[in-house]
Amino acid sequence: MPTAFKPGDTFYPKDENGKYIYHETDLCATWEAMEACKDAGLVKSLGISNFNKRQLDLILNKPGLKHKPVSNQVECHPYFTQPKLMEYCKQHDIVIVGYSPLGTSRDASWVNLKCPPLLEDELLVSVAKKYNKTTAQVALRFNLQRGVVVIPKSFNPVRIKENFQIFDFSLSEAEMKAIEGLNKNIRFVELLMWSNHPEYPFHDEF
C-alpha cells in the first residue's frame, strides 16, 4: 500500500484523540527495500496494492530500478472496471489483481453504500440464467476474460467451490461489452478513513 503509518508493533497506530498516525515514507525507498528482499531470495516476486498511475510512475521511473512490480492489486468488478489503470498496467506488463470482484459486504463502517449490491444487477442475473450459473460466477468470468486475476473472499465452502466453476463457459463479445457498460466508476472500498494521508491513492483519476 502507498499509505505508510508510524513504525512500530501496531498496524494502524492512533494517537490519544483516535487519529491515525501517518509516516511520510518515500515510496521509492520502500521499493528499494523490497527489491533487496527479492535479491536476497526471500520473495519470488514483488507487487503493489492500490497504487495509482502517479505512484506507479514513481516506481517505474526510479533511477536504478532492478525489479518492476509484477502486479497491482486494486478493486475491480463490473461496477468499477478500471479501464484506464488496466490499460496503463498492461502497457507495462503489470498484472491487475482484482479484489472485491463480487462487490463487498454492506458494512457501512467501511463500505460505500451509494453503490447498489453488484450481485443483484439485472443484467448479471439474466446472463447467469442463460448459462445456468450464479451472478457471482458471471462477475468472476467477466474479469477473467479481461485478463484480471480475481481474488474473491468467502468463508462458505459451497461458495468457494462455486467460485472455481467458471472455466466451463465463456461470455460472448456482446455480453462482455454489455457488462463493461455497467461501470459506474464508483468504489465500494474507498478507505476514506485515510483520505487525508499524503499518499492516499484515490484522489487521482486513476
Protein backbone atom coordinates (compact mmCIF):
# COMPACT_ATOMS: atom_id res chain seq x y z
CA MET A 1 0.00 0.00 0.00
CA PRO A 2 1.23 3.54 -0.65
CA THR A 3 -0.08 4.71 2.73
CA ALA A 4 2.58 4.40 5.45
CA PHE A 5 1.93 4.56 9.19
CA LYS A 6 4.15 5.28 12.17
CA PRO A 7 6.62 2.39 12.57
CA GLY A 8 6.02 0.05 15.48
CA ASP A 9 4.12 -3.02 16.61
CA THR A 10 0.67 -1.55 15.85
CA PHE A 11 -0.56 -1.94 12.27
CA TYR A 12 -2.68 1.22 12.21
CA PRO A 13 -1.49 3.34 15.17
CA LYS A 14 -3.69 6.12 16.54
CA ASP A 15 -2.97 9.00 18.90
CA GLU A 16 -4.88 9.77 22.12
CA ASN A 17 -7.59 11.53 20.07
CA GLY A 18 -8.15 8.49 17.88
CA LYS A 19 -6.43 10.00 14.82
CA TYR A 20 -4.24 7.76 12.68
CA ILE A 21 -0.51 8.46 12.97
CA TYR A 22 0.96 8.58 9.48
CA HIS A 23 4.57 8.31 8.40
CA GLU A 24 5.92 10.21 5.41
CA THR A 25 7.77 7.44 3.64
CA ASP A 26 9.43 7.74 0.26
CA LEU A 27 7.73 5.15 -1.96
CA CYS A 28 10.93 4.59 -3.94
CA ALA A 29 12.92 3.93 -0.75
CA THR A 30 10.31 1.37 0.29
CA TRP A 31 10.53 -0.24 -3.15
CA GLU A 32 14.32 -0.48 -2.87
CA ALA A 33 13.92 -2.29 0.44
CA MET A 34 11.51 -4.71 -1.26
CA GLU A 35 13.97 -5.20 -4.12
CA ALA A 36 16.60 -6.14 -1.54
CA CYS A 37 14.22 -8.84 -0.25
CA LYS A 38 13.98 -10.30 -3.75
CA ASP A 39 17.74 -10.10 -4.30
CA ALA A 40 18.23 -11.94 -1.00
CA GLY A 41 15.92 -14.73 -2.18
CA LEU A 42 13.31 -14.00 0.47
CA VAL A 43 10.50 -13.47 -2.04
CA LYS A 44 9.77 -14.71 -5.57
CA SER A 45 8.28 -11.52 -6.96
CA LEU A 46 7.13 -8.07 -5.91
CA GLY A 47 3.72 -6.46 -6.17
CA ILE A 48 1.86 -3.39 -5.01
CA SER A 49 -1.69 -2.63 -3.93
CA ASN A 50 -3.89 0.40 -4.57
CA PHE A 51 -1.17 2.33 -6.42
CA ASN A 52 -2.44 4.95 -8.85
CA LYS A 53 -0.68 5.90 -12.10
CA ARG A 54 1.34 8.70 -10.49
CA GLN A 55 2.60 6.39 -7.76
CA LEU A 56 3.36 3.65 -10.27
CA ASP A 57 5.29 6.15 -12.41
CA LEU A 58 7.48 6.95 -9.39
CA ILE A 59 8.50 3.29 -9.13
CA LEU A 60 8.83 2.58 -12.85
CA ASN A 61 10.95 5.70 -13.44
CA LYS A 62 13.11 5.23 -10.35
CA PRO A 63 16.84 5.51 -11.19
CA GLY A 64 18.50 2.12 -10.84
CA LEU A 65 15.22 0.16 -10.84
CA LYS A 66 16.07 -3.54 -10.51
CA HIS A 67 12.66 -5.20 -10.38
CA LYS A 68 9.36 -3.94 -11.76
CA PRO A 69 6.13 -4.63 -9.92
CA VAL A 70 4.55 -7.77 -11.36
CA SER A 71 1.07 -6.96 -10.09
CA ASN A 72 -1.11 -4.15 -8.79
CA GLN A 73 -3.91 -5.31 -6.51
CA VAL A 74 -6.88 -2.96 -6.87
CA GLU A 75 -10.66 -3.01 -6.61
CA CYS A 76 -12.08 -4.33 -9.88
CA HIS A 77 -15.57 -5.58 -10.79
CA PRO A 78 -18.39 -4.79 -13.28
CA TYR A 79 -19.37 -1.63 -11.39
CA PHE A 80 -15.74 -0.43 -11.23
CA THR A 81 -13.92 -1.72 -14.30
CA GLN A 82 -10.75 0.42 -14.03
CA PRO A 83 -10.23 0.73 -17.84
CA LYS A 84 -7.54 3.46 -17.72
CA LEU A 85 -5.49 1.86 -14.96
CA MET A 86 -5.86 -1.53 -16.66
CA GLU A 87 -4.55 -0.15 -19.96
CA TYR A 88 -1.64 1.60 -18.23
CA CYS A 89 -0.66 -1.56 -16.33
CA LYS A 90 -0.99 -3.65 -19.48
CA GLN A 91 1.47 -1.34 -21.27
CA HIS A 92 3.99 -2.04 -18.51
CA ASP A 93 3.31 -5.81 -18.21
CA ILE A 94 1.81 -5.38 -14.74
CA VAL A 95 -0.99 -7.81 -13.91
CA ILE A 96 -4.14 -6.40 -12.34
CA VAL A 97 -5.26 -8.47 -9.34
CA GLY A 98 -8.88 -7.59 -8.65
CA TYR A 99 -10.06 -7.53 -5.05
CA SER A 100 -13.77 -7.30 -4.21
CA PRO A 101 -14.58 -8.84 -7.63
CA LEU A 102 -18.08 -9.66 -6.31
CA GLY A 103 -18.64 -6.33 -4.61
CA THR A 104 -18.41 -6.29 -0.82
CA SER A 105 -20.35 -6.76 2.36
CA ARG A 106 -22.83 -3.99 3.17
CA ASP A 107 -20.94 -2.79 6.23
CA ALA A 108 -21.47 0.98 6.33
CA SER A 109 -18.47 1.45 8.63
CA TRP A 110 -16.08 0.99 5.71
CA VAL A 111 -18.07 0.35 2.51
CA ASN A 112 -19.58 2.93 0.17
CA LEU A 113 -23.30 2.09 0.20
CA LYS A 114 -24.14 4.55 -2.59
CA CYS A 115 -23.26 1.69 -4.91
CA PRO A 116 -26.10 -0.88 -5.11
CA PRO A 117 -25.37 -4.59 -4.47
CA LEU A 118 -23.45 -5.86 -7.50
CA LEU A 119 -24.77 -9.42 -7.43
CA GLU A 120 -28.37 -8.23 -7.71
CA ASP A 121 -27.75 -6.44 -11.02
CA GLU A 122 -30.46 -7.31 -13.60
CA LEU A 123 -28.02 -7.83 -16.47
CA LEU A 124 -25.82 -10.17 -14.42
CA VAL A 125 -28.93 -12.05 -13.28
CA SER A 126 -30.14 -12.55 -16.88
CA VAL A 127 -26.71 -13.67 -18.14
CA ALA A 128 -26.41 -16.04 -15.19
CA LYS A 129 -29.77 -17.63 -16.03
CA LYS A 130 -28.68 -18.14 -19.65
CA TYR A 131 -25.60 -20.14 -18.60
CA ASN A 132 -27.18 -21.76 -15.54
CA LYS A 133 -24.61 -20.00 -13.37
CA THR A 134 -24.72 -17.64 -10.41
CA THR A 135 -24.29 -13.88 -10.78
CA ALA A 136 -21.04 -14.26 -8.81
CA GLN A 137 -19.73 -16.74 -11.39
CA VAL A 138 -20.63 -14.36 -14.22
CA ALA A 139 -18.86 -11.45 -12.48
CA LEU A 140 -15.75 -13.58 -11.96
CA ARG A 141 -15.81 -14.86 -15.54
CA PHE A 142 -16.08 -11.28 -16.82
CA ASN A 143 -12.87 -10.24 -15.07
CA LEU A 144 -11.10 -13.46 -16.01
CA GLN A 145 -11.78 -12.85 -19.70
CA ARG A 146 -10.37 -9.34 -19.34
CA GLY A 147 -7.10 -10.76 -18.01
CA VAL A 148 -7.76 -9.78 -14.39
CA VAL A 149 -6.67 -12.16 -11.63
CA VAL A 150 -9.63 -12.46 -9.27
CA ILE A 151 -9.43 -12.99 -5.51
CA PRO A 152 -12.99 -13.47 -4.22
CA LYS A 153 -13.37 -13.80 -0.47
CA SER A 154 -15.70 -16.34 1.09
CA PHE A 155 -15.94 -18.37 4.29
CA ASN A 156 -18.66 -20.59 2.80
CA PRO A 157 -17.30 -23.93 1.44
CA VAL A 158 -20.13 -24.19 -1.12
CA ARG A 159 -19.45 -20.71 -2.48
CA ILE A 160 -15.69 -21.27 -2.50
CA LYS A 161 -16.28 -24.33 -4.70
CA GLU A 162 -18.66 -22.35 -6.93
CA ASN A 163 -16.04 -19.63 -7.39
CA PHE A 164 -13.82 -22.18 -9.14
CA GLN A 165 -16.55 -23.33 -11.51
CA ILE A 166 -16.05 -20.58 -14.09
CA PHE A 167 -13.93 -22.42 -16.66
CA ASP A 168 -16.73 -24.34 -18.38
CA PHE A 169 -18.41 -21.37 -20.08
CA SER A 170 -17.43 -18.16 -21.89
CA LEU A 171 -19.16 -14.82 -22.21
CA SER A 172 -19.74 -13.60 -25.75
CA GLU A 173 -18.22 -10.38 -27.03
CA ALA A 174 -21.64 -8.71 -26.83
CA GLU A 175 -22.10 -9.88 -23.24
CA MET A 176 -18.65 -8.64 -22.29
CA LYS A 177 -19.44 -5.22 -23.80
CA ALA A 178 -22.80 -5.11 -22.02
CA ILE A 179 -21.23 -5.93 -18.66
CA GLU A 180 -18.47 -3.37 -19.28
CA GLY A 181 -21.30 -0.88 -19.77
CA LEU A 182 -22.38 -1.44 -16.15
CA ASN A 183 -19.36 0.55 -14.96
CA LYS A 184 -20.46 3.25 -12.50
CA ASN A 185 -16.94 4.43 -11.69
CA ILE A 186 -17.83 4.19 -8.00
CA ARG A 187 -15.65 2.40 -5.48
CA PHE A 188 -17.10 0.13 -2.85
CA VAL A 189 -13.81 0.31 -0.91
CA GLU A 190 -12.93 4.00 -0.58
CA LEU A 191 -10.70 3.79 2.54
CA LEU A 192 -11.96 7.24 3.49
CA MET A 193 -10.53 6.90 6.99
CA TRP A 194 -7.12 7.53 5.38
CA SER A 195 -8.22 10.14 2.84
CA ASN A 196 -6.05 12.82 4.47
CA HIS A 197 -2.91 10.70 4.12
CA PRO A 198 -0.33 12.42 1.85
CA GLU A 199 -0.21 9.31 -0.35
CA TYR A 200 -3.94 8.46 -0.31
CA PRO A 201 -4.22 6.98 -3.81
CA PHE A 202 -7.83 7.67 -4.75
CA HIS A 203 -7.78 11.45 -5.15
CA ASP A 204 -6.31 10.97 -8.63
CA GLU A 205 -8.49 9.97 -11.59
CA PHE A 206 -6.69 6.62 -11.90
